[in-house]
Amino acid sequence: RQEDNTATTIAKDDTIATTSRTTVPAAGTLATTTPSPLATDTIFRFDVQVCLKCDSCGYTRTKEEMYRHLSLDVGSSPPHNDKGTKLDQALEQFFTSEQRQLICEKCKVGTSATQTME
């Protein structure tokens, strides 16, 4: 027989953590503690594919990064124009490809790469 219990605790820094405990008495008592995802993680979290492509040899390295917030420059321009809202423009600028100065891990000759995010 397996029992599931959920406990919520408040840490000294006022953060709230929810943990699940599973016990399996057949082989003795096994207690595992795994944090349950918080509502903020499921609502405000998103993953971005970051790709670096060597400008010399074309070698591509892709990595997934997790974000919980974005710092966007919305400026003080009028809220709407022919390019969309300030938020649309800020998101487009955030995800625009950029040049990075680095040494290619494959060819060792390339000194720059293009970074894209999707």
Protein backbone atom coordinates (compact mmCIF):
# COMPACT_ATOMS: atom_id res chain seq x y z
CA ARG A 1 0.00 0.00 0.00
CA GLN A 2 1.30 3.46 -0.91
CA GLU A 3 0.32 6.68 0.85
CA ASP A 4 0.82 10.22 -0.44
CA ASN A 5 0.96 13.15 1.95
CA THR A 6 1.55 16.78 1.06
CA ALA A 7 2.98 19.29 3.51
CA THR A 8 3.35 23.06 3.19
CA THR A 9 6.04 24.82 5.19
CA ILE A 10 7.05 28.46 5.57
CA ALA A 11 10.81 29.02 5.75
CA LYS A 12 12.60 31.73 7.77
CA ASP A 13 12.76 33.97 4.67
CA ASP A 14 8.93 33.76 4.31
CA THR A 15 9.05 31.56 1.22
CA ILE A 16 6.45 28.84 0.95
CA ALA A 17 7.50 25.32 -0.03
CA THR A 18 5.22 22.41 -0.75
CA THR A 19 6.65 18.91 -0.48
CA SER A 20 5.24 15.49 -1.21
CA ARG A 21 6.15 12.43 0.80
CA THR A 22 5.63 8.87 -0.36
CA THR A 23 5.96 5.93 1.99
CA VAL A 24 6.11 2.30 0.96
CA PRO A 25 5.83 0.06 4.05
CA ALA A 26 6.34 -3.25 2.15
CA ALA A 27 10.15 -2.86 2.12
CA GLY A 28 10.27 -0.94 5.35
CA THR A 29 9.56 2.77 5.30
CA LEU A 30 10.79 4.80 2.36
CA ALA A 31 10.29 8.52 2.57
CA THR A 32 11.17 10.73 -0.37
CA THR A 33 10.74 14.47 -0.42
CA THR A 34 10.23 16.13 -3.78
CA PRO A 35 9.18 19.75 -4.13
CA SER A 36 5.89 20.28 -5.92
CA PRO A 37 5.91 23.05 -8.52
CA LEU A 38 4.68 26.37 -7.20
CA ALA A 39 1.94 28.21 -9.06
CA THR A 40 4.46 30.90 -10.04
CA ASP A 41 6.64 28.26 -11.70
CA THR A 42 3.80 26.90 -13.80
CA ILE A 43 2.35 30.30 -14.76
CA PHE A 44 5.36 32.63 -15.08
CA ARG A 45 8.11 30.24 -16.18
CA PHE A 46 9.08 29.74 -19.82
CA ASP A 47 11.89 28.00 -21.65
CA VAL A 48 13.94 29.60 -24.43
CA GLN A 49 16.17 27.81 -26.96
CA VAL A 50 19.46 29.75 -27.13
CA CYS A 51 21.54 28.94 -30.21
CA LEU A 52 25.14 30.01 -30.89
CA LYS A 53 26.42 29.60 -34.44
CA CYS A 54 30.14 30.11 -35.22
CA ASP A 55 30.51 32.76 -37.91
CA SER A 56 33.64 31.00 -39.21
CA CYS A 57 32.82 27.26 -39.46
CA GLY A 58 29.03 27.24 -38.92
CA TYR A 59 29.16 24.94 -35.86
CA THR A 60 25.95 25.32 -33.85
CA ARG A 61 25.44 24.79 -30.13
CA THR A 62 21.92 24.92 -28.68
CA LYS A 63 20.93 25.11 -25.03
CA GLU A 64 17.57 25.48 -23.32
CA GLU A 65 17.37 28.21 -20.69
CA MET A 66 14.58 28.80 -18.19
CA TYR A 67 13.30 32.32 -17.52
CA ARG A 68 10.96 33.60 -14.83
CA HIS A 69 11.14 37.25 -15.87
CA LEU A 70 12.36 39.46 -18.70
CA SER A 71 13.87 42.92 -18.48
CA LEU A 72 12.33 44.82 -21.36
CA ASP A 73 12.88 48.43 -22.37
CA VAL A 74 9.47 49.86 -23.24
CA GLY A 75 10.76 53.44 -23.36
CA SER A 76 8.56 56.52 -23.48
CA SER A 77 7.41 56.46 -27.11
CA PRO A 78 3.70 56.57 -27.95
CA PRO A 79 1.91 53.34 -26.98
CA HIS A 80 0.94 52.40 -30.56
CA ASN A 81 2.52 53.04 -33.95
CA ASP A 82 2.90 51.22 -37.28
CA LYS A 83 5.29 48.68 -35.68
CA GLY A 84 2.85 47.57 -32.96
CA THR A 85 2.72 48.29 -29.25
CA LYS A 86 5.73 49.17 -27.12
CA LEU A 87 5.57 45.69 -25.60
CA ASP A 88 5.63 44.04 -29.05
CA GLN A 89 8.67 46.10 -30.01
CA ALA A 90 10.45 45.35 -26.71
CA LEU A 91 9.88 41.59 -27.12
CA GLU A 92 11.11 41.72 -30.72
CA GLN A 93 14.24 43.56 -29.60
CA PHE A 94 14.85 41.06 -26.77
CA PHE A 95 14.72 38.11 -29.19
CA THR A 96 16.75 39.79 -31.97
CA SER A 97 19.95 37.93 -32.92
CA GLU A 98 23.21 39.31 -31.52
CA GLN A 99 26.92 38.95 -32.24
CA ARG A 100 29.00 37.40 -29.43
CA GLN A 101 32.77 37.47 -29.16
CA LEU A 102 34.07 34.01 -28.26
CA ILE A 103 36.39 31.29 -29.49
CA CYS A 104 34.63 28.42 -31.26
CA GLU A 105 34.88 25.20 -29.28
CA LYS A 106 35.03 23.16 -32.51
CA CYS A 107 37.28 24.98 -35.01
CA LYS A 108 39.22 27.14 -32.47
CA VAL A 109 39.61 29.71 -35.29
CA GLY A 110 36.28 31.50 -35.12
CA THR A 111 36.22 34.45 -32.77
CA SER A 112 32.59 35.47 -33.13
CA ALA A 113 29.21 33.75 -33.13
CA THR A 114 25.63 34.75 -33.79
CA GLN A 115 23.26 34.15 -30.88
CA THR A 116 19.58 33.57 -31.56
CA MET A 117 16.78 32.87 -29.09
CA GLU A 118 13.45 31.20 -29.78
